Protein backbone atom coordinates (compact mmCIF):
# COMPACT_ATOMS: atom_id res chain seq x y z
CA LEU A 1 31.40 22.75 15.13
CA SER A 2 30.02 25.98 13.85
CA ASP A 3 26.67 24.88 12.46
CA PRO A 4 23.82 23.03 14.21
CA ALA A 5 23.72 20.54 11.31
CA GLU A 6 27.36 19.62 12.04
CA VAL A 7 26.36 18.54 15.55
CA GLU A 8 23.84 16.10 14.08
CA GLU A 9 26.38 14.73 11.59
CA ALA A 10 29.12 14.40 14.21
CA GLY A 11 26.88 12.30 16.46
CA SER A 12 27.78 14.52 19.40
CA ALA A 13 26.07 14.48 22.78
CA LYS A 14 22.40 15.35 22.57
CA ASN A 15 21.04 15.31 26.12
CA ILE A 16 23.02 17.64 28.36
CA LEU A 17 22.63 18.50 32.03
CA LEU A 18 23.86 22.00 32.82
CA VAL A 19 24.52 22.55 36.53
CA GLU A 20 25.18 26.21 37.39
CA ASP A 21 23.98 28.27 40.35
CA ASN A 22 24.27 31.63 38.56
CA ALA A 23 21.01 32.02 36.62
CA LEU A 24 22.42 34.43 34.02
CA GLN A 25 25.41 32.21 33.26
CA ARG A 26 23.16 29.15 33.10
CA GLN A 27 20.82 30.88 30.66
CA THR A 28 23.69 32.07 28.46
CA ILE A 29 25.26 28.62 28.24
CA ARG A 30 21.88 26.95 27.70
CA LEU A 31 21.03 29.27 24.80
CA ALA A 32 24.40 28.63 23.15
CA LEU A 33 24.01 24.85 23.47
CA GLU A 34 20.43 24.92 22.21
CA HIS A 35 21.58 26.92 19.19
CA PHE A 36 23.67 23.89 18.25
CA GLY A 37 20.74 21.51 18.60
CA PHE A 38 21.39 20.09 22.06
CA VAL A 39 18.60 19.33 24.51
CA VAL A 40 19.59 21.10 27.73
CA HIS A 41 18.27 20.21 31.18
CA GLU A 42 19.10 22.65 33.98
CA ALA A 43 19.92 22.38 37.65
CA ALA A 44 20.73 25.31 39.93
CA ASP A 45 22.85 23.24 42.32
CA GLY A 46 24.09 19.74 43.01
CA LEU A 47 20.92 18.68 44.82
CA GLU A 48 18.79 19.48 41.78
CA ALA A 49 21.39 17.82 39.56
CA THR A 50 21.13 14.57 41.52
CA LYS A 51 17.38 14.43 40.83
CA VAL A 52 17.83 15.08 37.10
CA ILE A 53 20.64 12.51 36.81
CA ALA A 54 18.42 9.87 38.40
CA SER A 55 15.51 10.58 36.06
CA LEU A 56 17.13 11.02 32.62
CA LYS A 57 19.55 9.33 30.25
CA LEU A 58 22.24 11.94 29.74
CA ASP A 59 25.03 12.18 27.17
CA LEU A 60 27.02 14.90 28.97
CA ILE A 61 27.06 16.80 32.25
CA ILE A 62 28.48 20.31 32.43
CA THR A 63 28.86 21.39 36.03
CA ASP A 64 30.04 24.41 37.90
CA ILE A 65 32.25 23.51 40.84
CA VAL A 66 31.46 26.16 43.48
CA MET A 67 27.74 25.98 44.34
CA PRO A 68 25.57 26.02 47.45
CA GLU A 69 23.92 22.89 48.88
CA LYS A 70 25.99 20.31 46.98
CA ASP A 71 29.02 21.41 44.98
CA GLY A 72 30.22 20.17 41.62
CA LEU A 73 32.93 17.97 43.12
CA GLN A 74 30.26 16.03 45.02
CA VAL A 75 28.22 15.70 41.82
CA ILE A 76 31.24 14.34 39.95
CA MET A 77 31.98 11.79 42.67
CA GLU A 78 28.37 10.55 42.68
CA VAL A 79 28.18 10.27 38.91
CA ARG A 80 31.49 8.43 38.66
CA ARG A 81 30.24 5.77 41.10
CA SER A 82 27.15 4.96 39.04
CA GLN A 83 28.11 6.05 35.51
CA PRO A 84 31.90 5.89 35.14
CA PHE A 85 31.92 6.59 31.41
CA LEU A 86 29.48 9.51 31.27
CA PRO A 87 31.41 12.57 30.06
CA ILE A 88 31.58 15.40 32.60
CA LEU A 89 32.87 18.88 31.86
CA ALA A 90 33.79 20.92 34.95
CA MET A 91 33.89 24.71 34.96
CA SER A 92 34.51 27.30 37.64
CA GLY A 93 34.48 31.03 38.03
CA GLY A 94 36.42 30.81 41.27
CA GLY A 95 35.27 31.11 44.82
CA ARG A 96 36.77 30.12 48.13
CA GLN A 97 39.86 28.69 46.42
CA SER A 98 41.36 29.48 43.05
CA ALA A 99 39.49 28.09 40.06
CA ASP A 100 42.58 26.11 39.04
CA ASP A 101 42.59 24.21 42.36
CA TYR A 102 38.94 23.26 41.94
CA LEU A 103 39.37 22.20 38.34
CA MET A 104 42.45 20.13 39.17
CA LYS A 105 40.46 18.33 41.87
CA ALA A 106 37.59 17.82 39.42
CA GLY A 107 40.00 16.13 37.02
CA GLU A 108 41.28 13.88 39.78
CA LEU A 109 37.69 12.85 40.52
CA GLY A 110 37.03 11.92 36.91
CA ALA A 111 35.84 15.06 35.10
CA ASP A 112 37.06 15.20 31.54
CA GLN A 113 39.96 17.47 30.74
CA GLY A 114 39.54 19.95 27.91
């Protein structure tokens, strides 16, 4: 989808939770999503994400994996227990393990594969 109007026509997700501890990356992703007409809610870590998830009806969660407090894997596990069909997109810039290991584990926990 290259045009914000295409998002509307495609009936794509509208209410997105973006979970990313790096403020610059979070801002960059948020601006790109908003350009395409999405409503973006932000959380800087898994603890904040848990509060947002409990208070809003979401169409998609995009979560970093390696974060302080509560990581993305924990967020995925919690969401899958209460909302098994909510799409989740996992992303990682690396960290203590390789990014591939984290993303593989995220897929095993129910994050959608892209």
